Amino acid sequence: MLYEFTELEKEQILTNFFTSTDPLHLNVFPSKLKKQYIVLCIIINQFQKGTSYSEKEVNNILGQVHFDFASLRRGLIDFRLLERTRDGSSYWVKEN
């Protein structure tokens, strides 16, 4: 885990940045890195561990959460929550 955060912090992020949790819908992507990380830790749960996804599948899943799916995808990769092949043809949830 890159940043440590409490359940209270997670609940505050859910309240302040998401308009819905079922289905998950992000209103605005935060500018502060720790908040971005918490948001992305919530979003990564939209993916199944042990499953390989194409870039199109990743974009479709993230596009349902927020219109800027490319920024979400990049954040998931940058924070090492999601991994991909070098050519970007396959994505999967990083196993801890």
PDB file of N, CA and C in Angstrom:
ATOM      1  N   MET A   1       0.855  -1.177   0.000  1.00  0.00           N
ATOM      2  CA  MET A   1       0.000   0.000   0.000  1.00  0.00           C
ATOM      3  C   MET A   1       0.894   1.232   0.000  1.00  0.00           C
ATOM      4  N   LEU A   2       0.651   2.075  -0.945  1.00  0.00           N
ATOM      5  CA  LEU A   2       1.456   3.280  -1.112  1.00  0.00           C
ATOM      6  C   LEU A   2       1.178   4.298   0.002  1.00  0.00           C
ATOM      7  N   TYR A   3      -0.090   4.566   0.249  1.00  0.00           N
ATOM      8  CA  TYR A   3      -0.502   5.478   1.316  1.00  0.00           C
ATOM      9  C   TYR A   3      -1.341   4.684   2.314  1.00  0.00           C
ATOM     10  N   GLU A   4      -1.159   4.960   3.566  1.00  0.00           N
ATOM     11  CA  GLU A   4      -2.014   4.388   4.606  1.00  0.00           C
ATOM     12  C   GLU A   4      -3.235   5.294   4.737  1.00  0.00           C
ATOM     13  N   PHE A   5      -4.407   4.687   4.898  1.00  0.00           N
ATOM     14  CA  PHE A   5      -5.608   5.489   5.139  1.00  0.00           C
ATOM     15  C   PHE A   5      -6.577   4.689   5.989  1.00  0.00           C
ATOM     16  N   THR A   6      -7.406   5.421   6.715  1.00  0.00           N
ATOM     17  CA  THR A   6      -8.364   4.805   7.632  1.00  0.00           C
ATOM     18  C   THR A   6      -9.701   4.588   6.935  1.00  0.00           C
ATOM     19  N   GLU A   7     -10.544   3.814   7.572  1.00  0.00           N
ATOM     20  CA  GLU A   7     -11.900   3.612   7.059  1.00  0.00           C
ATOM     21  C   GLU A   7     -12.659   4.942   7.045  1.00  0.00           C
ATOM     22  N   LEU A   8     -12.406   5.793   8.025  1.00  0.00           N
ATOM     23  CA  LEU A   8     -13.049   7.107   8.063  1.00  0.00           C
ATOM     24  C   LEU A   8     -12.646   7.937   6.852  1.00  0.00           C
ATOM     25  N   GLU A   9     -11.349   7.937   6.522  1.00  0.00           N
ATOM     26  CA  GLU A   9     -10.892   8.668   5.331  1.00  0.00           C
ATOM     27  C   GLU A   9     -11.555   8.115   4.070  1.00  0.00           C
ATOM     28  N   LYS A  10     -11.658   6.802   3.998  1.00  0.00           N
ATOM     29  CA  LYS A  10     -12.302   6.172   2.837  1.00  0.00           C
ATOM     30  C   LYS A  10     -13.767   6.600   2.747  1.00  0.00           C
ATOM     31  N   GLU A  11     -14.466   6.594   3.860  1.00  0.00           N
ATOM     32  CA  GLU A  11     -15.876   7.010   3.884  1.00  0.00           C
ATOM     33  C   GLU A  11     -16.033   8.471   3.470  1.00  0.00           C
ATOM     34  N   GLN A  12     -15.109   9.323   3.920  1.00  0.00           N
ATOM     35  CA  GLN A  12     -15.150  10.738   3.531  1.00  0.00           C
ATOM     36  C   GLN A  12     -14.940  10.900   2.026  1.00  0.00           C
ATOM     37  N   ILE A  13     -14.042  10.118   1.461  1.00  0.00           N
ATOM     38  CA  ILE A  13     -13.799  10.160   0.013  1.00  0.00           C
ATOM     39  C   ILE A  13     -15.043   9.700  -0.728  1.00  0.00           C
ATOM     40  N   LEU A  14     -15.655   8.619  -0.266  1.00  0.00           N
ATOM     41  CA  LEU A  14     -16.883   8.132  -0.902  1.00  0.00           C
ATOM     42  C   LEU A  14     -17.968   9.208  -0.894  1.00  0.00           C
ATOM     43  N   THR A  15     -18.089   9.901   0.232  1.00  0.00           N
ATOM     44  CA  THR A  15     -19.104  10.948   0.365  1.00  0.00           C
ATOM     45  C   THR A  15     -18.784  12.180  -0.487  1.00  0.00           C
ATOM     46  N   ASN A  16     -17.517  12.579  -0.501  1.00  0.00           N
ATOM     47  CA  ASN A  16     -17.138  13.837  -1.152  1.00  0.00           C
ATOM     48  C   ASN A  16     -16.884  13.740  -2.655  1.00  0.00           C
ATOM     49  N   PHE A  17     -16.519  12.570  -3.154  1.00  0.00           N
ATOM     50  CA  PHE A  17     -16.116  12.470  -4.554  1.00  0.00           C
ATOM     51  C   PHE A  17     -16.984  11.560  -5.417  1.00  0.00           C
ATOM     52  N   PHE A  18     -17.806  10.733  -4.806  1.00  0.00           N
ATOM     53  CA  PHE A  18     -18.666   9.829  -5.562  1.00  0.00           C
ATOM     54  C   PHE A  18     -20.122  10.242  -5.419  1.00  0.00           C
ATOM     55  N   THR A  19     -20.858  10.182  -6.521  1.00  0.00           N
ATOM     56  CA  THR A  19     -22.286  10.491  -6.465  1.00  0.00           C
ATOM     57  C   THR A  19     -23.112   9.235  -6.239  1.00  0.00           C
ATOM     58  N   SER A  20     -22.512   8.077  -6.494  1.00  0.00           N
ATOM     59  CA  SER A  20     -23.202   6.811  -6.315  1.00  0.00           C
ATOM     60  C   SER A  20     -22.169   5.719  -6.062  1.00  0.00           C
ATOM     61  N   THR A  21     -22.559   4.742  -5.241  1.00  0.00           N
ATOM     62  CA  THR A  21     -21.677   3.591  -5.026  1.00  0.00           C
ATOM     63  C   THR A  21     -22.214   2.338  -5.715  1.00  0.00           C
ATOM     64  N   ASP A  22     -23.479   2.332  -6.119  1.00  0.00           N
ATOM     65  CA  ASP A  22     -24.056   1.193  -6.822  1.00  0.00           C
ATOM     66  C   ASP A  22     -25.067   1.678  -7.842  1.00  0.00           C
ATOM     67  N   PRO A  23     -24.647   1.900  -9.071  1.00  0.00           N
ATOM     68  CA  PRO A  23     -23.311   1.641  -9.601  1.00  0.00           C
ATOM     69  C   PRO A  23     -22.334   2.728  -9.160  1.00  0.00           C
ATOM     70  N   LEU A  24     -21.065   2.381  -9.167  1.00  0.00           N
ATOM     71  CA  LEU A  24     -20.020   3.315  -8.746  1.00  0.00           C
ATOM     72  C   LEU A  24     -19.900   4.435  -9.768  1.00  0.00           C
ATOM     73  N   HIS A  25     -20.015   5.680  -9.294  1.00  0.00           N
ATOM     74  CA  HIS A  25     -19.891   6.835 -10.183  1.00  0.00           C
ATOM     75  C   HIS A  25     -19.110   7.945  -9.495  1.00  0.00           C
ATOM     76  N   LEU A  26     -17.973   8.275 -10.082  1.00  0.00           N
ATOM     77  CA  LEU A  26     -17.096   9.319  -9.568  1.00  0.00           C
ATOM     78  C   LEU A  26     -17.521  10.661 -10.133  1.00  0.00           C
ATOM     79  N   ASN A  27     -17.756  11.632  -9.259  1.00  0.00           N
ATOM     80  CA  ASN A  27     -18.148  12.966  -9.681  1.00  0.00           C
ATOM     81  C   ASN A  27     -16.952  13.764 -10.183  1.00  0.00           C
ATOM     82  N   VAL A  28     -15.899  13.793  -9.381  1.00  0.00           N
ATOM     83  CA  VAL A  28     -14.696  14.550  -9.743  1.00  0.00           C
ATOM     84  C   VAL A  28     -13.471  13.795  -9.232  1.00  0.00           C
ATOM     85  N   PHE A  29     -12.430  13.771 -10.049  1.00  0.00           N
ATOM     86  CA  PHE A  29     -11.180  13.119  -9.662  1.00  0.00           C
ATOM     87  C   PHE A  29     -10.364  14.122  -8.856  1.00  0.00           C
ATOM     88  N   PRO A  30     -10.013  13.785  -7.604  1.00  0.00           N
ATOM     89  CA  PRO A  30      -9.312  14.753  -6.745  1.00  0.00           C
ATOM     90  C   PRO A  30      -7.918  15.113  -7.265  1.00  0.00           C
ATOM     91  N   SER A  31      -7.423  16.263  -6.851  1.00  0.00           N
ATOM     92  CA  SER A  31      -6.105  16.718  -7.295  1.00  0.00           C
ATOM     93  C   SER A  31      -4.984  16.253  -6.362  1.00  0.00           C
ATOM     94  N   LYS A  32      -5.289  16.030  -5.099  1.00  0.00           N
ATOM     95  CA  LYS A  32      -4.253  15.599  -4.154  1.00  0.00           C
ATOM     96  C   LYS A  32      -3.987  14.099  -4.300  1.00  0.00           C
ATOM     97  N   LEU A  33      -2.695  13.747  -4.279  1.00  0.00           N
ATOM     98  CA  LEU A  33      -2.286  12.376  -4.549  1.00  0.00           C
ATOM     99  C   LEU A  33      -2.880  11.349  -3.586  1.00  0.00           C
ATOM    100  N   LYS A  34      -2.901  11.648  -2.302  1.00  0.00           N
ATOM    101  CA  LYS A  34      -3.443  10.678  -1.355  1.00  0.00           C
ATOM    102  C   LYS A  34      -4.919  10.426  -1.635  1.00  0.00           C
ATOM    103  N   LYS A  35      -5.661  11.474  -1.929  1.00  0.00           N
ATOM    104  CA  LYS A  35      -7.079  11.316  -2.244  1.00  0.00           C
ATOM    105  C   LYS A  35      -7.261  10.561  -3.561  1.00  0.00           C
ATOM    106  N   GLN A  36      -6.400  10.829  -4.530  1.00  0.00           N
ATOM    107  CA  GLN A  36      -6.443  10.069  -5.785  1.00  0.00           C
ATOM    108  C   GLN A  36      -6.241   8.591  -5.503  1.00  0.00           C
ATOM    109  N   TYR A  37      -5.253   8.300  -4.664  1.00  0.00           N
ATOM    110  CA  TYR A  37      -4.952   6.918  -4.332  1.00  0.00           C
ATOM    111  C   TYR A  37      -6.153   6.228  -3.685  1.00  0.00           C
ATOM    112  N   ILE A  38      -6.801   6.885  -2.746  1.00  0.00           N
ATOM    113  CA  ILE A  38      -7.967   6.302  -2.083  1.00  0.00           C
ATOM    114  C   ILE A  38      -9.085   6.073  -3.095  1.00  0.00           C
ATOM    115  N   VAL A  39      -9.335   7.050  -3.959  1.00  0.00           N
ATOM    116  CA  VAL A  39     -10.343   6.906  -5.007  1.00  0.00           C
ATOM    117  C   VAL A  39     -10.030   5.691  -5.875  1.00  0.00           C
ATOM    118  N   LEU A  40      -8.779   5.564  -6.279  1.00  0.00           N
ATOM    119  CA  LEU A  40      -8.389   4.453  -7.145  1.00  0.00           C
ATOM    120  C   LEU A  40      -8.445   3.112  -6.415  1.00  0.00           C
ATOM    121  N   CYS A  41      -8.181   3.102  -5.117  1.00  0.00           N
ATOM    122  CA  CYS A  41      -8.328   1.872  -4.326  1.00  0.00           C
ATOM    123  C   CYS A  41      -9.791   1.431  -4.277  1.00  0.00           C
ATOM    124  N   ILE A  42     -10.692   2.365  -4.331  1.00  0.00           N
ATOM    125  CA  ILE A  42     -12.123   2.052  -4.386  1.00  0.00           C
ATOM    126  C   ILE A  42     -12.478   1.534  -5.784  1.00  0.00           C
ATOM    127  N   ILE A  43     -11.982   2.215  -6.801  1.00  0.00           N
ATOM    128  CA  ILE A  43     -12.307   1.857  -8.182  1.00  0.00           C
ATOM    129  C   ILE A  43     -11.738   0.498  -8.582  1.00  0.00           C
ATOM    130  N   ILE A  44     -10.570   0.138  -8.081  1.00  0.00           N
ATOM    131  CA  ILE A  44      -9.940  -1.125  -8.479  1.00  0.00           C
ATOM    132  C   ILE A  44     -10.837  -2.315  -8.150  1.00  0.00           C
ATOM    133  N   ASN A  45     -11.747  -2.138  -7.205  1.00  0.00           N
ATOM    134  CA  ASN A  45     -12.674  -3.218  -6.849  1.00  0.00           C
ATOM    135  C   ASN A  45     -13.699  -3.515  -7.943  1.00  0.00           C
ATOM    136  N   GLN A  46     -13.716  -2.715  -9.004  1.00  0.00           N
ATOM    137  CA  GLN A  46     -14.578  -2.985 -10.149  1.00  0.00           C
ATOM    138  C   GLN A  46     -13.999  -4.102 -11.022  1.00  0.00           C
ATOM    139  N   PHE A  47     -12.764  -4.490 -10.746  1.00  0.00           N
ATOM    140  CA  PHE A  47     -12.063  -5.518 -11.510  1.00  0.00           C
ATOM    141  C   PHE A  47     -11.904  -6.776 -10.668  1.00  0.00           C
ATOM    142  N   GLN A  48     -11.901  -7.916 -11.321  1.00  0.00           N
ATOM    143  CA  GLN A  48     -11.718  -9.200 -10.655  1.00  0.00           C
ATOM    144  C   GLN A  48     -10.240  -9.572 -10.636  1.00  0.00           C
ATOM    145  N   LYS A  49      -9.738  -9.956  -9.479  1.00  0.00           N
ATOM    146  CA  LYS A  49      -8.364 -10.462  -9.397  1.00  0.00           C
ATOM    147  C   LYS A  49      -8.294 -11.773 -10.182  1.00  0.00           C
ATOM    148  N   GLY A  50      -7.160 -11.967 -10.851  1.00  0.00           N
ATOM    149  CA  GLY A  50      -6.960 -13.195 -11.606  1.00  0.00           C
ATOM    150  C   GLY A  50      -7.566 -13.175 -12.997  1.00  0.00           C
ATOM    151  N   THR A  51      -8.159 -12.051 -13.379  1.00  0.00           N
ATOM    152  CA  THR A  51      -8.767 -11.911 -14.704  1.00  0.00           C
ATOM    153  C   THR A  51      -7.918 -10.987 -15.544  1.00  0.00           C
ATOM    154  N   SER A  52      -7.750 -11.345 -16.807  1.00  0.00           N
ATOM    155  CA  SER A  52      -7.011 -10.512 -17.750  1.00  0.00           C
ATOM    156  C   SER A  52      -8.015  -9.709 -18.569  1.00  0.00           C
ATOM    157  N   TYR A  53      -7.753  -8.425 -18.733  1.00  0.00           N
ATOM    158  CA  TYR A  53      -8.650  -7.526 -19.452  1.00  0.00           C
ATOM    159  C   TYR A  53      -7.919  -6.900 -20.634  1.00  0.00           C
ATOM    160  N   SER A  54      -8.644  -6.691 -21.725  1.00  0.00           N
ATOM    161  CA  SER A  54      -8.100  -5.917 -22.841  1.00  0.00           C
ATOM    162  C   SER A  54      -8.204  -4.442 -22.484  1.00  0.00           C
ATOM    163  N   GLU A  55      -7.494  -3.595 -23.216  1.00  0.00           N
ATOM    164  CA  GLU A  55      -7.585  -2.158 -22.955  1.00  0.00           C
ATOM    165  C   GLU A  55      -9.014  -1.674 -23.155  1.00  0.00           C
ATOM    166  N   LYS A  56      -9.693  -2.205 -24.146  1.00  0.00           N
ATOM    167  CA  LYS A  56     -11.081  -1.812 -24.406  1.00  0.00           C
ATOM    168  C   LYS A  56     -11.972  -2.173 -23.221  1.00  0.00           C
ATOM    169  N   GLU A  57     -11.776  -3.355 -22.645  1.00  0.00           N
ATOM    170  CA  GLU A  57     -12.568  -3.768 -21.487  1.00  0.00           C
ATOM    171  C   GLU A  57     -12.290  -2.864 -20.291  1.00  0.00           C
ATOM    172  N   VAL A  58     -11.021  -2.531 -20.068  1.00  0.00           N
ATOM    173  CA  VAL A  58     -10.651  -1.626 -18.973  1.00  0.00           C
ATOM    174  C   VAL A  58     -11.319  -0.273 -19.188  1.00  0.00           C
ATOM    175  N   ASN A  59     -11.244   0.243 -20.409  1.00  0.00           N
ATOM    176  CA  ASN A  59     -11.856   1.540 -20.718  1.00  0.00           C
ATOM    177  C   ASN A  59     -13.363   1.515 -20.502  1.00  0.00           C
ATOM    178  N   ASN A  60     -14.011   0.420 -20.877  1.00  0.00           N
ATOM    179  CA  ASN A  60     -15.467   0.305 -20.692  1.00  0.00           C
ATOM    180  C   ASN A  60     -15.838   0.308 -19.219  1.00  0.00           C
ATOM    181  N   ILE A  61     -15.091  -0.442 -18.410  1.00  0.00           N
ATOM    182  CA  ILE A  61     -15.366  -0.493 -16.971  1.00  0.00           C
ATOM    183  C   ILE A  61     -15.143   0.876 -16.338  1.00  0.00           C
ATOM    184  N   LEU A  62     -14.013   1.500 -16.653  1.00  0.00           N
ATOM    185  CA  LEU A  62     -13.701   2.809 -16.076  1.00  0.00           C
ATOM    186  C   LEU A  62     -14.625   3.899 -16.609  1.00  0.00           C
ATOM    187  N   GLY A  63     -15.044   3.787 -17.858  1.00  0.00           N
ATOM    188  CA  GLY A  63     -15.957   4.765 -18.451  1.00  0.00           C
ATOM    189  C   GLY A  63     -17.309   4.792 -17.770  1.00  0.00           C
ATOM    190  N   GLN A  64     -17.699   3.677 -17.163  1.00  0.00           N
ATOM    191  CA  GLN A  64     -18.950   3.646 -16.404  1.00  0.00           C
ATOM    192  C   GLN A  64     -18.806   4.363 -15.062  1.00  0.00           C
ATOM    193  N   VAL A  65     -17.563   4.482 -14.587  1.00  0.00           N
ATOM    194  CA  VAL A  65     -17.294   5.140 -13.308  1.00  0.00           C
ATOM    195  C   VAL A  65     -17.117   6.647 -13.487  1.00  0.00           C
ATOM    196  N   HIS A  66     -16.422   7.037 -14.576  1.00  0.00           N
ATOM    197  CA  HIS A  66     -16.123   8.461 -14.810  1.00  0.00           C
ATOM    198  C   HIS A  66     -15.815   8.657 -16.285  1.00  0.00           C
ATOM    199  N   PHE A  67     -16.181   9.812 -16.824  1.00  0.00           N
ATOM    200  CA  PHE A  67     -15.972  10.063 -18.251  1.00  0.00           C
ATOM    201  C   PHE A  67     -14.499  10.065 -18.648  1.00  0.00           C
ATOM    202  N   ASP A  68     -13.615  10.454 -17.738  1.00  0.00           N
ATOM    203  CA  ASP A  68     -12.183  10.512 -18.055  1.00  0.00           C
ATOM    204  C   ASP A  68     -11.512   9.183 -17.692  1.00  0.00           C
ATOM    205  N   PHE A  69     -11.909   8.143 -18.423  1.00  0.00           N
ATOM    206  CA  PHE A  69     -11.392   6.810 -18.135  1.00  0.00           C
ATOM    207  C   PHE A  69      -9.885   6.710 -18.356  1.00  0.00           C
ATOM    208  N   ALA A  70      -9.338   7.525 -19.256  1.00  0.00           N
ATOM    209  CA  ALA A  70      -7.893   7.467 -19.528  1.00  0.00           C
ATOM    210  C   ALA A  70      -7.089   7.912 -18.304  1.00  0.00           C
ATOM    211  N   SER A  71      -7.546   8.961 -17.622  1.00  0.00           N
ATOM    212  CA  SER A  71      -6.849   9.407 -16.407  1.00  0.00           C
ATOM    213  C   SER A  71      -6.958   8.368 -15.296  1.00  0.00           C
ATOM    214  N   LEU A  72      -8.120   7.742 -15.187  1.00  0.00           N
ATOM    215  CA  LEU A  72      -8.277   6.696 -14.182  1.00  0.00           C
ATOM    216  C   LEU A  72      -7.361   5.516 -14.488  1.00  0.00           C
ATOM    217  N   ARG A  73      -7.319   5.114 -15.749  1.00  0.00           N
ATOM    218  CA  ARG A  73      -6.454   3.992 -16.152  1.00  0.00           C
ATOM    219  C   ARG A  73      -4.997   4.317 -15.854  1.00  0.00           C
ATOM    220  N   ARG A  74      -4.562   5.518 -16.218  1.00  0.00           N
ATOM    221  CA  ARG A  74      -3.182   5.941 -15.972  1.00  0.00           C
ATOM    222  C   ARG A  74      -2.889   5.945 -14.476  1.00  0.00           C
ATOM    223  N   GLY A  75      -3.813   6.446 -13.670  1.00  0.00           N
ATOM    224  CA  GLY A  75      -3.628   6.466 -12.222  1.00  0.00           C
ATOM    225  C   GLY A  75      -3.520   5.065 -11.647  1.00  0.00           C
ATOM    226  N   LEU A  76      -4.359   4.154 -12.106  1.00  0.00           N
ATOM    227  CA  LEU A  76      -4.295   2.771 -11.634  1.00  0.00           C
ATOM    228  C   LEU A  76      -2.950   2.136 -11.960  1.00  0.00           C
ATOM    229  N   ILE A  77      -2.415   2.446 -13.133  1.00  0.00           N
ATOM    230  CA  ILE A  77      -1.099   1.940 -13.530  1.00  0.00           C
ATOM    231  C   ILE A  77      -0.006   2.625 -12.704  1.00  0.00           C
ATOM    232  N   ASP A  78      -0.065   3.954 -12.612  1.00  0.00           N
ATOM    233  CA  ASP A  78       0.969   4.709 -11.889  1.00  0.00           C
ATOM    234  C   ASP A  78       1.058   4.320 -10.411  1.00  0.00           C
ATOM    235  N   PHE A  79      -0.088   4.076  -9.792  1.00  0.00           N
ATOM    236  CA  PHE A  79      -0.101   3.675  -8.382  1.00  0.00           C
ATOM    237  C   PHE A  79       0.075   2.165  -8.208  1.00  0.00           C
ATOM    238  N   ARG A  80       0.288   1.483  -9.317  1.00  0.00           N
ATOM    239  CA  ARG A  80       0.558   0.035  -9.335  1.00  0.00           C
ATOM    240  C   ARG A  80      -0.582  -0.794  -8.758  1.00  0.00           C
ATOM    241  N   LEU A  81      -1.800  -0.330  -8.974  1.00  0.00           N
ATOM    242  CA  LEU A  81      -2.971  -1.113  -8.594  1.00  0.00           C
ATOM    243  C   LEU A  81      -3.381  -2.032  -9.742  1.00  0.00           C
ATOM    244  N   LEU A  82      -3.049  -1.609 -10.952  1.00  0.00           N
ATOM    245  CA  LEU A  82      -3.336  -2.356 -12.166  1.00  0.00           C
ATOM    246  C   LEU A  82      -2.027  -2.498 -12.922  1.00  0.00           C
ATOM    247  N   GLU A  83      -1.773  -3.684 -13.448  1.00  0.00           N
ATOM    248  CA  GLU A  83      -0.563  -3.913 -14.231  1.00  0.00           C
ATOM    249  C   GLU A  83      -0.965  -4.214 -15.664  1.00  0.00           C
ATOM    250  N   ARG A  84       0.000  -4.098 -16.570  1.00  0.00           N
ATOM    251  CA  ARG A  84      -0.279  -4.384 -17.972  1.00  0.00           C
ATOM    252  C   ARG A  84       0.969  -4.927 -18.654  1.00  0.00           C
ATOM    253  N   THR A  85       0.722  -5.547 -19.790  1.00  0.00           N
ATOM    254  CA  THR A  85       1.845  -5.991 -20.597  1.00  0.00           C
ATOM    255  C   THR A  85       2.506  -4.769 -21.207  1.00  0.00           C
ATOM    256  N   ARG A  86       3.716  -4.950 -21.664  1.00  0.00           N
ATOM    257  CA  ARG A  86       4.478  -3.836 -22.236  1.00  0.00           C
ATOM    258  C   ARG A  86       3.762  -3.167 -23.409  1.00  0.00           C
ATOM    259  N   ASP A  87       3.081  -3.964 -24.209  1.00  0.00           N
ATOM    260  CA  ASP A  87       2.388  -3.414 -25.384  1.00  0.00           C
ATOM    261  C   ASP A  87       0.971  -2.921 -25.061  1.00  0.00           C
ATOM    262  N   GLY A  88       0.544  -3.067 -23.799  1.00  0.00           N
ATOM    263  CA  GLY A  88      -0.768  -2.576 -23.386  1.00  0.00           C
ATOM    264  C   GLY A  88      -1.929  -3.434 -23.864  1.00  0.00           C
ATOM    265  N   SER A  89      -1.650  -4.657 -24.288  1.00  0.00           N
ATOM    266  CA  SER A  89      -2.719  -5.514 -24.816  1.00  0.00           C
ATOM    267  C   SER A  89      -3.469  -6.262 -23.717  1.00  0.00           C
ATOM    268  N   SER A  90      -2.909  -6.335 -22.516  1.00  0.00           N
ATOM    269  CA  SER A  90      -3.534  -7.071 -21.438  1.00  0.00           C
ATOM    270  C   SER A  90      -3.291  -6.358 -20.112  1.00  0.00           C
ATOM    271  N   TYR A  91      -4.360  -6.276 -19.305  1.00  0.00           N
ATOM    272  CA  TYR A  91      -4.318  -5.620 -17.989  1.00  0.00           C
ATOM    273  C   TYR A  91      -4.839  -6.595 -16.943  1.00  0.00           C
ATOM    274  N   TRP A  92      -4.341  -6.469 -15.710  1.00  0.00           N
ATOM    275  CA  TRP A  92      -4.818  -7.306 -14.603  1.00  0.00           C
ATOM    276  C   TRP A  92      -4.572  -6.578 -13.296  1.00  0.00           C
ATOM    277  N   VAL A  93      -5.355  -6.962 -12.277  1.00  0.00           N
ATOM    278  CA  VAL A  93      -5.203  -6.387 -10.944  1.00  0.00           C
ATOM    279  C   VAL A  93      -3.927  -6.936 -10.340  1.00  0.00           C
ATOM    280  N   LYS A  94      -3.130  -6.036  -9.796  1.00  0.00           N
ATOM    281  CA  LYS A  94      -1.871  -6.459  -9.164  1.00  0.00           C
ATOM    282  C   LYS A  94      -2.184  -7.249  -7.901  1.00  0.00           C
ATOM    283  N   GLU A  95      -1.528  -8.376  -7.784  1.00  0.00           N
ATOM    284  CA  GLU A  95      -1.661  -9.195  -6.574  1.00  0.00           C
ATOM    285  C   GLU A  95      -0.686  -8.645  -5.536  1.00  0.00           C
ATOM    286  N   ASN A  96      -1.140  -8.476  -4.320  1.00  0.00           N
ATOM    287  CA  ASN A  96      -0.272  -7.946  -3.251  1.00  0.00           C
ATOM    288  C   ASN A  96       0.596  -9.000  -2.673  1.00  0.00           C
TER     289      ASN A  96
END
